[in-house]
Amino acid sequence: MKLQILYEDPALLFINKPAGLVVQQRMFEPDEPFLHELVQRHTSPAFLMQRLDRGTSGVIFFSKLSDMNVRLTRQFERKRIRKTYLALCDGELGEKQTVDAPIARIGAIKFGVRDEGKRAVTHVEPLAYSKDGSLLRIVLETGRTHQIRVHLAAIGHPLAGDWLYGEKNEARPMLHAAELEMMHPLTGQPLRVAAPVPEDFREAAGRRGIRHFERTDRPASDAANSLTELE
């Protein structure tokens, strides 16, 4: 399996995770390929600093230096790492809004909005929409499990293809981790890394009458680094 490196330096490694690839090894499928193992073949040690669902594509990053992990964790805790997603949801959603609703586990693999849950805040900005679907830019203020999926379902616009919270009308939930912005833990300089919109996402949007992605496509990284492939 080939993986795309979006940005790499002595401290950090950013990967464009393909949809369908799990991030960590699963106990009940020990022989299934997983992202962390593939990355460790390229560079070791590699410390996973965030997680994405199996069906989600896009930016995910690793620390290559153990003494950087505390600094990166502090950035997460102080909300200095900004994660921006693209989502394709069912139905027409035309108004910008913030969903502030607590999330709790409600089953073995499912979560939902519950008063007793942990605080969760999702900022939703429509970029384009039709009667059949909407293209959204989403910024997370908190990072709960399944947060985007749960919040979109709660407002009546589940992710296209989300079999758990909506309908299985696509091959996967149409969620893409489009961009990550942070302060570099070594240099203290701003760093922005972005992943291109995958073809299956574009095709799913096209089937819903959404074909313009000009506002979402940006260069892969502010740092000079050519795209490479990792096998």
C-alpha atoms as a PDB file:
ATOM      1  CA  MET A   1       0.000   0.000   0.000  1.00  0.00           C
ATOM      2  CA  LYS A   2       1.312   3.443  -0.937  1.00  0.00           C
ATOM      3  CA  LEU A   3       0.734   6.399   1.344  1.00  0.00           C
ATOM      4  CA  GLN A   4       1.223  10.042   0.476  1.00  0.00           C
ATOM      5  CA  ILE A   5       3.470  12.198   2.638  1.00  0.00           C
ATOM      6  CA  LEU A   6       2.144  15.754   2.730  1.00  0.00           C
ATOM      7  CA  TYR A   7       4.945  17.219   4.837  1.00  0.00           C
ATOM      8  CA  GLU A   8       7.973  15.901   6.705  1.00  0.00           C
ATOM      9  CA  ASP A   9      10.834  17.410   8.699  1.00  0.00           C
ATOM     10  CA  PRO A  10      13.029  16.149  11.573  1.00  0.00           C
ATOM     11  CA  ALA A  11      10.204  16.532  14.098  1.00  0.00           C
ATOM     12  CA  LEU A  12       6.918  15.939  12.276  1.00  0.00           C
ATOM     13  CA  LEU A  13       5.364  13.726   9.621  1.00  0.00           C
ATOM     14  CA  PHE A  14       1.995  14.476   7.969  1.00  0.00           C
ATOM     15  CA  ILE A  15       0.237  11.772   5.971  1.00  0.00           C
ATOM     16  CA  ASN A  16      -2.729  11.934   3.598  1.00  0.00           C
ATOM     17  CA  LYS A  17      -4.723   9.040   5.057  1.00  0.00           C
ATOM     18  CA  PRO A  18      -6.846   7.169   2.505  1.00  0.00           C
ATOM     19  CA  ALA A  19     -10.400   6.239   3.402  1.00  0.00           C
ATOM     20  CA  GLY A  20     -10.760   2.601   4.411  1.00  0.00           C
ATOM     21  CA  LEU A  21      -7.433   2.316   6.240  1.00  0.00           C
ATOM     22  CA  VAL A  22      -7.553   1.932  10.026  1.00  0.00           C
ATOM     23  CA  VAL A  23      -5.113   4.026  12.043  1.00  0.00           C
ATOM     24  CA  GLN A  24      -4.188   1.460  14.700  1.00  0.00           C
ATOM     25  CA  GLN A  25      -4.176  -2.321  14.876  1.00  0.00           C
ATOM     26  CA  ARG A  26      -7.507  -3.905  15.797  1.00  0.00           C
ATOM     27  CA  MET A  27      -7.450  -6.895  18.148  1.00  0.00           C
ATOM     28  CA  PHE A  28     -10.059  -8.865  16.209  1.00  0.00           C
ATOM     29  CA  GLU A  29      -8.275  -8.329  12.859  1.00  0.00           C
ATOM     30  CA  PRO A  30      -4.543  -8.544  13.715  1.00  0.00           C
ATOM     31  CA  ASP A  31      -3.458  -9.163  10.109  1.00  0.00           C
ATOM     32  CA  GLU A  32      -5.229  -6.110   8.683  1.00  0.00           C
ATOM     33  CA  PRO A  33      -2.848  -3.346   7.481  1.00  0.00           C
ATOM     34  CA  PHE A  34      -2.924  -0.234   9.639  1.00  0.00           C
ATOM     35  CA  LEU A  35      -1.502   3.250   9.199  1.00  0.00           C
ATOM     36  CA  HIS A  36       0.745   3.392  12.240  1.00  0.00           C
ATOM     37  CA  GLU A  37       2.615   0.247  11.175  1.00  0.00           C
ATOM     38  CA  LEU A  38       3.126   1.558   7.643  1.00  0.00           C
ATOM     39  CA  VAL A  39       4.464   4.851   8.964  1.00  0.00           C
ATOM     40  CA  GLN A  40       6.876   3.088  11.324  1.00  0.00           C
ATOM     41  CA  ARG A  41       8.383   1.282   8.346  1.00  0.00           C
ATOM     42  CA  HIS A  42       9.327   4.711   7.020  1.00  0.00           C
ATOM     43  CA  THR A  43      10.459   6.358  10.258  1.00  0.00           C
ATOM     44  CA  SER A  44      10.804   5.024  13.766  1.00  0.00           C
ATOM     45  CA  PRO A  45       9.893   6.113  16.311  1.00  0.00           C
ATOM     46  CA  ALA A  46       6.634   7.610  15.095  1.00  0.00           C
ATOM     47  CA  PHE A  47       4.182   8.796  17.749  1.00  0.00           C
ATOM     48  CA  LEU A  48       0.551   9.087  16.689  1.00  0.00           C
ATOM     49  CA  MET A  49      -0.795  12.530  17.662  1.00  0.00           C
ATOM     50  CA  GLN A  50      -4.404  12.284  16.444  1.00  0.00           C
ATOM     51  CA  ARG A  51      -6.946   9.752  15.203  1.00  0.00           C
ATOM     52  CA  LEU A  52      -9.326   9.516  12.290  1.00  0.00           C
ATOM     53  CA  ASP A  53     -12.149   7.045  11.749  1.00  0.00           C
ATOM     54  CA  ARG A  54     -11.523   4.272   9.243  1.00  0.00           C
ATOM     55  CA  GLY A  55     -13.854   5.865   6.686  1.00  0.00           C
ATOM     56  CA  THR A  56     -12.391   9.368   7.014  1.00  0.00           C
ATOM     57  CA  SER A  57      -9.699  10.570   4.597  1.00  0.00           C
ATOM     58  CA  GLY A  58      -7.179  13.379   4.917  1.00  0.00           C
ATOM     59  CA  VAL A  59      -4.509  14.953   7.122  1.00  0.00           C
ATOM     60  CA  ILE A  60      -3.148  12.991  10.069  1.00  0.00           C
ATOM     61  CA  PHE A  61       0.198  13.612  11.755  1.00  0.00           C
ATOM     62  CA  PHE A  62       2.905  11.919  13.790  1.00  0.00           C
ATOM     63  CA  SER A  63       5.663  13.187  16.040  1.00  0.00           C
ATOM     64  CA  LYS A  64       9.135  11.814  15.355  1.00  0.00           C
ATOM     65  CA  LEU A  65      10.702  13.033  18.618  1.00  0.00           C
ATOM     66  CA  SER A  66       9.421  11.860  21.993  1.00  0.00           C
ATOM     67  CA  ASP A  67      10.334  15.118  23.733  1.00  0.00           C
ATOM     68  CA  MET A  68       7.999  16.997  21.356  1.00  0.00           C
ATOM     69  CA  ASN A  69       4.923  15.071  22.459  1.00  0.00           C
ATOM     70  CA  VAL A  70       4.257  17.107  25.601  1.00  0.00           C
ATOM     71  CA  ARG A  71       4.425  20.359  23.645  1.00  0.00           C
ATOM     72  CA  LEU A  72       2.028  19.031  21.024  1.00  0.00           C
ATOM     73  CA  THR A  73      -0.364  17.721  23.665  1.00  0.00           C
ATOM     74  CA  ARG A  74      -0.405  21.185  25.260  1.00  0.00           C
ATOM     75  CA  GLN A  75      -1.312  22.710  21.925  1.00  0.00           C
ATOM     76  CA  PHE A  76      -4.263  20.340  21.682  1.00  0.00           C
ATOM     77  CA  GLU A  77      -5.332  21.127  25.255  1.00  0.00           C
ATOM     78  CA  ARG A  78      -5.080  24.886  24.686  1.00  0.00           C
ATOM     79  CA  LYS A  79      -6.941  24.603  21.366  1.00  0.00           C
ATOM     80  CA  ARG A  80      -3.970  25.911  19.386  1.00  0.00           C
ATOM     81  CA  ILE A  81      -4.209  23.122  16.831  1.00  0.00           C
ATOM     82  CA  ARG A  82      -6.969  23.926  14.360  1.00  0.00           C
ATOM     83  CA  LYS A  83      -8.494  21.057  12.390  1.00  0.00           C
ATOM     84  CA  THR A  84     -10.714  21.834   9.410  1.00  0.00           C
ATOM     85  CA  TYR A  85     -12.849  19.192   7.706  1.00  0.00           C
ATOM     86  CA  LEU A  86     -14.922  18.981   4.561  1.00  0.00           C
ATOM     87  CA  ALA A  87     -18.181  17.116   4.937  1.00  0.00           C
ATOM     88  CA  LEU A  88     -20.867  16.130   2.478  1.00  0.00           C
ATOM     89  CA  CYS A  89     -24.215  15.799   4.219  1.00  0.00           C
ATOM     90  CA  ASP A  90     -27.664  14.747   3.109  1.00  0.00           C
ATOM     91  CA  GLY A  91     -30.255  17.434   2.470  1.00  0.00           C
ATOM     92  CA  GLU A  92     -30.078  21.184   1.976  1.00  0.00           C
ATOM     93  CA  LEU A  93     -28.196  22.989   4.731  1.00  0.00           C
ATOM     94  CA  GLY A  94     -27.761  26.638   3.853  1.00  0.00           C
ATOM     95  CA  GLU A  95     -27.124  28.443   7.148  1.00  0.00           C
ATOM     96  CA  LYS A  96     -23.868  28.811   9.039  1.00  0.00           C
ATOM     97  CA  GLN A  97     -24.237  27.568  12.591  1.00  0.00           C
ATOM     98  CA  THR A  98     -22.513  26.288  15.704  1.00  0.00           C
ATOM     99  CA  VAL A  99     -23.672  23.038  17.266  1.00  0.00           C
ATOM    100  CA  ASP A 100     -23.034  23.058  21.024  1.00  0.00           C
ATOM    101  CA  ALA A 101     -24.391  19.751  22.315  1.00  0.00           C
ATOM    102  CA  PRO A 102     -22.851  17.247  24.779  1.00  0.00           C
ATOM    103  CA  ILE A 103     -21.954  13.781  23.501  1.00  0.00           C
ATOM    104  CA  ALA A 104     -22.040  10.465  25.372  1.00  0.00           C
ATOM    105  CA  ARG A 105     -21.673   6.803  24.432  1.00  0.00           C
ATOM    106  CA  ILE A 106     -25.019   5.134  23.821  1.00  0.00           C
ATOM    107  CA  GLY A 107     -23.915   1.702  22.610  1.00  0.00           C
ATOM    108  CA  ALA A 108     -20.939  -0.503  21.873  1.00  0.00           C
ATOM    109  CA  ILE A 109     -19.817   1.652  18.926  1.00  0.00           C
ATOM    110  CA  LYS A 110     -22.355   4.470  18.846  1.00  0.00           C
ATOM    111  CA  PHE A 111     -22.491   7.921  20.431  1.00  0.00           C
ATOM    112  CA  GLY A 112     -25.266  10.467  20.716  1.00  0.00           C
ATOM    113  CA  VAL A 113     -26.273  13.858  22.079  1.00  0.00           C
ATOM    114  CA  ARG A 114     -27.068  13.411  25.776  1.00  0.00           C
ATOM    115  CA  ASP A 115     -27.334  15.889  28.651  1.00  0.00           C
ATOM    116  CA  GLU A 116     -24.923  13.809  30.731  1.00  0.00           C
ATOM    117  CA  GLY A 117     -22.310  13.766  27.963  1.00  0.00           C
ATOM    118  CA  LYS A 118     -19.077  15.701  27.545  1.00  0.00           C
ATOM    119  CA  ARG A 119     -19.202  19.184  26.048  1.00  0.00           C
ATOM    120  CA  ALA A 120     -18.818  19.174  22.265  1.00  0.00           C
ATOM    121  CA  VAL A 121     -18.782  22.188  19.939  1.00  0.00           C
ATOM    122  CA  THR A 122     -18.787  22.032  16.123  1.00  0.00           C
ATOM    123  CA  HIS A 123     -18.702  25.052  13.791  1.00  0.00           C
ATOM    124  CA  VAL A 124     -20.486  24.412  10.475  1.00  0.00           C
ATOM    125  CA  GLU A 125     -20.178  26.609   7.368  1.00  0.00           C
ATOM    126  CA  PRO A 126     -22.033  25.674   4.153  1.00  0.00           C
ATOM    127  CA  LEU A 127     -19.897  26.123   1.021  1.00  0.00           C
ATOM    128  CA  ALA A 128     -22.412  24.851  -1.551  1.00  0.00           C
ATOM    129  CA  TYR A 129     -25.735  23.048  -1.430  1.00  0.00           C
ATOM    130  CA  SER A 130     -28.610  21.621  -3.421  1.00  0.00           C
ATOM    131  CA  LYS A 131     -31.863  19.945  -2.440  1.00  0.00           C
ATOM    132  CA  ASP A 132     -29.998  16.619  -2.371  1.00  0.00           C
ATOM    133  CA  GLY A 133     -26.927  17.504  -0.340  1.00  0.00           C
ATOM    134  CA  SER A 134     -24.623  20.137   1.120  1.00  0.00           C
ATOM    135  CA  LEU A 135     -20.863  20.676   1.103  1.00  0.00           C
ATOM    136  CA  LEU A 136     -19.711  21.919   4.504  1.00  0.00           C
ATOM    137  CA  ARG A 137     -16.547  23.326   6.013  1.00  0.00           C
ATOM    138  CA  ILE A 138     -16.341  22.205   9.625  1.00  0.00           C
ATOM    139  CA  VAL A 139     -14.024  23.390  12.392  1.00  0.00           C
ATOM    140  CA  LEU A 140     -13.900  21.505  15.677  1.00  0.00           C
ATOM    141  CA  GLU A 141     -13.658  23.369  18.963  1.00  0.00           C
ATOM    142  CA  THR A 142     -13.591  20.085  20.885  1.00  0.00           C
ATOM    143  CA  GLY A 143     -12.535  16.607  19.816  1.00  0.00           C
ATOM    144  CA  ARG A 144     -15.069  13.994  20.910  1.00  0.00           C
ATOM    145  CA  THR A 145     -15.362  10.559  19.291  1.00  0.00           C
ATOM    146  CA  HIS A 146     -17.662  10.708  16.225  1.00  0.00           C
ATOM    147  CA  GLN A 147     -18.311  14.384  17.010  1.00  0.00           C
ATOM    148  CA  ILE A 148     -18.995  15.594  13.463  1.00  0.00           C
ATOM    149  CA  ARG A 149     -21.077  12.532  12.626  1.00  0.00           C
ATOM    150  CA  VAL A 150     -23.179  12.819  15.783  1.00  0.00           C
ATOM    151  CA  HIS A 151     -23.736  16.572  15.535  1.00  0.00           C
ATOM    152  CA  LEU A 152     -24.728  16.528  11.856  1.00  0.00           C
ATOM    153  CA  ALA A 153     -27.167  13.694  12.511  1.00  0.00           C
ATOM    154  CA  ALA A 154     -28.570  15.614  15.494  1.00  0.00           C
ATOM    155  CA  ILE A 155     -29.463  18.618  13.306  1.00  0.00           C
ATOM    156  CA  GLY A 156     -31.089  16.390  10.688  1.00  0.00           C
ATOM    157  CA  HIS A 157     -28.282  16.362   8.108  1.00  0.00           C
ATOM    158  CA  PRO A 158     -26.209  13.184   8.595  1.00  0.00           C
ATOM    159  CA  LEU A 159     -23.062  12.613   6.615  1.00  0.00           C
ATOM    160  CA  ALA A 160     -23.683  11.098   3.207  1.00  0.00           C
ATOM    161  CA  GLY A 161     -22.834   7.413   3.444  1.00  0.00           C
ATOM    162  CA  ASP A 162     -22.845   7.288   7.242  1.00  0.00           C
ATOM    163  CA  TRP A 163     -24.357   3.851   7.896  1.00  0.00           C
ATOM    164  CA  LEU A 164     -24.207   4.347  11.682  1.00  0.00           C
ATOM    165  CA  TYR A 165     -25.951   7.709  12.003  1.00  0.00           C
ATOM    166  CA  GLY A 166     -27.719   8.093   8.660  1.00  0.00           C
ATOM    167  CA  GLU A 167     -28.030   6.001   5.513  1.00  0.00           C
ATOM    168  CA  LYS A 168     -25.523   3.830   3.666  1.00  0.00           C
ATOM    169  CA  ASN A 169     -26.009   5.729   0.400  1.00  0.00           C
ATOM    170  CA  GLU A 170     -22.260   5.942  -0.338  1.00  0.00           C
ATOM    171  CA  ALA A 171     -19.333   3.566   0.074  1.00  0.00           C
ATOM    172  CA  ARG A 172     -18.151   5.451   3.154  1.00  0.00           C
ATOM    173  CA  PRO A 173     -19.085   8.403   5.356  1.00  0.00           C
ATOM    174  CA  MET A 174     -18.165  11.465   3.278  1.00  0.00           C
ATOM    175  CA  LEU A 175     -15.789  13.199   5.699  1.00  0.00           C
ATOM    176  CA  HIS A 176     -12.351  14.551   4.768  1.00  0.00           C
ATOM    177  CA  ALA A 177      -9.765  16.032   7.151  1.00  0.00           C
ATOM    178  CA  ALA A 178      -8.836  18.847   4.808  1.00  0.00           C
ATOM    179  CA  GLU A 179      -6.427  20.983   6.794  1.00  0.00           C
ATOM    180  CA  LEU A 180      -4.457  21.224  10.019  1.00  0.00           C
ATOM    181  CA  GLU A 181      -2.876  24.384  11.400  1.00  0.00           C
ATOM    182  CA  MET A 182      -0.499  24.546  14.351  1.00  0.00           C
ATOM    183  CA  MET A 183       2.640  26.153  15.754  1.00  0.00           C
ATOM    184  CA  HIS A 184       5.701  24.103  14.924  1.00  0.00           C
ATOM    185  CA  PRO A 185       6.980  22.632  18.236  1.00  0.00           C
ATOM    186  CA  LEU A 186      10.637  23.263  17.320  1.00  0.00           C
ATOM    187  CA  THR A 187      10.598  26.574  15.460  1.00  0.00           C
ATOM    188  CA  GLY A 188       7.513  28.190  16.957  1.00  0.00           C
ATOM    189  CA  GLN A 189       6.440  29.201  13.446  1.00  0.00           C
ATOM    190  CA  PRO A 190       2.929  28.655  12.033  1.00  0.00           C
ATOM    191  CA  LEU A 191       2.526  25.501   9.967  1.00  0.00           C
ATOM    192  CA  ARG A 192      -0.443  24.638   7.771  1.00  0.00           C
ATOM    193  CA  VAL A 193      -0.772  21.304   5.977  1.00  0.00           C
ATOM    194  CA  ALA A 194      -3.681  20.451   3.678  1.00  0.00           C
ATOM    195  CA  ALA A 195      -4.789  17.305   1.848  1.00  0.00           C
ATOM    196  CA  PRO A 196      -6.431  17.415  -1.608  1.00  0.00           C
ATOM    197  CA  VAL A 197     -10.094  16.472  -1.929  1.00  0.00           C
ATOM    198  CA  PRO A 198     -10.268  12.756  -2.871  1.00  0.00           C
ATOM    199  CA  GLU A 199     -11.964  11.683  -6.065  1.00  0.00           C
ATOM    200  CA  ASP A 200     -14.679   9.616  -4.399  1.00  0.00           C
ATOM    201  CA  PHE A 201     -15.685  12.671  -2.363  1.00  0.00           C
ATOM    202  CA  ARG A 202     -15.914  14.802  -5.506  1.00  0.00           C
ATOM    203  CA  GLU A 203     -17.965  12.146  -7.256  1.00  0.00           C
ATOM    204  CA  ALA A 204     -20.392  11.849  -4.344  1.00  0.00           C
ATOM    205  CA  ALA A 205     -20.805  15.631  -4.325  1.00  0.00           C
ATOM    206  CA  GLY A 206     -21.357  15.641  -8.084  1.00  0.00           C
ATOM    207  CA  ARG A 207     -24.169  13.129  -7.740  1.00  0.00           C
ATOM    208  CA  ARG A 208     -25.846  15.684  -5.499  1.00  0.00           C
ATOM    209  CA  GLY A 209     -25.360  18.553  -7.922  1.00  0.00           C
ATOM    210  CA  ILE A 210     -22.270  20.030  -6.219  1.00  0.00           C
ATOM    211  CA  ARG A 211     -19.252  20.354  -8.492  1.00  0.00           C
ATOM    212  CA  HIS A 212     -17.349  23.481  -7.490  1.00  0.00           C
ATOM    213  CA  PHE A 213     -14.470  23.049  -5.076  1.00  0.00           C
ATOM    214  CA  GLU A 214     -12.510  26.236  -5.797  1.00  0.00           C
ATOM    215  CA  ARG A 215     -12.961  27.518  -2.245  1.00  0.00           C
ATOM    216  CA  THR A 216     -11.713  24.286  -0.732  1.00  0.00           C
ATOM    217  CA  ASP A 217      -8.642  23.423  -2.797  1.00  0.00           C
ATOM    218  CA  ARG A 218      -5.469  24.964  -1.368  1.00  0.00           C
ATOM    219  CA  PRO A 219      -1.764  24.156  -1.707  1.00  0.00           C
ATOM    220  CA  ALA A 220      -0.733  21.098   0.276  1.00  0.00           C
ATOM    221  CA  SER A 221       1.585  22.908   2.675  1.00  0.00           C
ATOM    222  CA  ASP A 222       2.949  26.333   3.516  1.00  0.00           C
ATOM    223  CA  ALA A 223       6.351  24.714   3.965  1.00  0.00           C
ATOM    224  CA  ALA A 224       8.355  23.834   0.876  1.00  0.00           C
ATOM    225  CA  ASN A 225       8.122  20.086   0.649  1.00  0.00           C
ATOM    226  CA  SER A 226       7.460  17.984  -2.422  1.00  0.00           C
ATOM    227  CA  LEU A 227       4.881  15.226  -2.262  1.00  0.00           C
ATOM    228  CA  THR A 228       6.425  11.795  -1.917  1.00  0.00           C
ATOM    229  CA  GLU A 229       5.081   8.282  -1.684  1.00  0.00           C
ATOM    230  CA  LEU A 230       5.568   5.931   1.225  1.00  0.00           C
ATOM    231  CA  GLU A 231       5.264   2.217   0.644  1.00  0.00           C
END
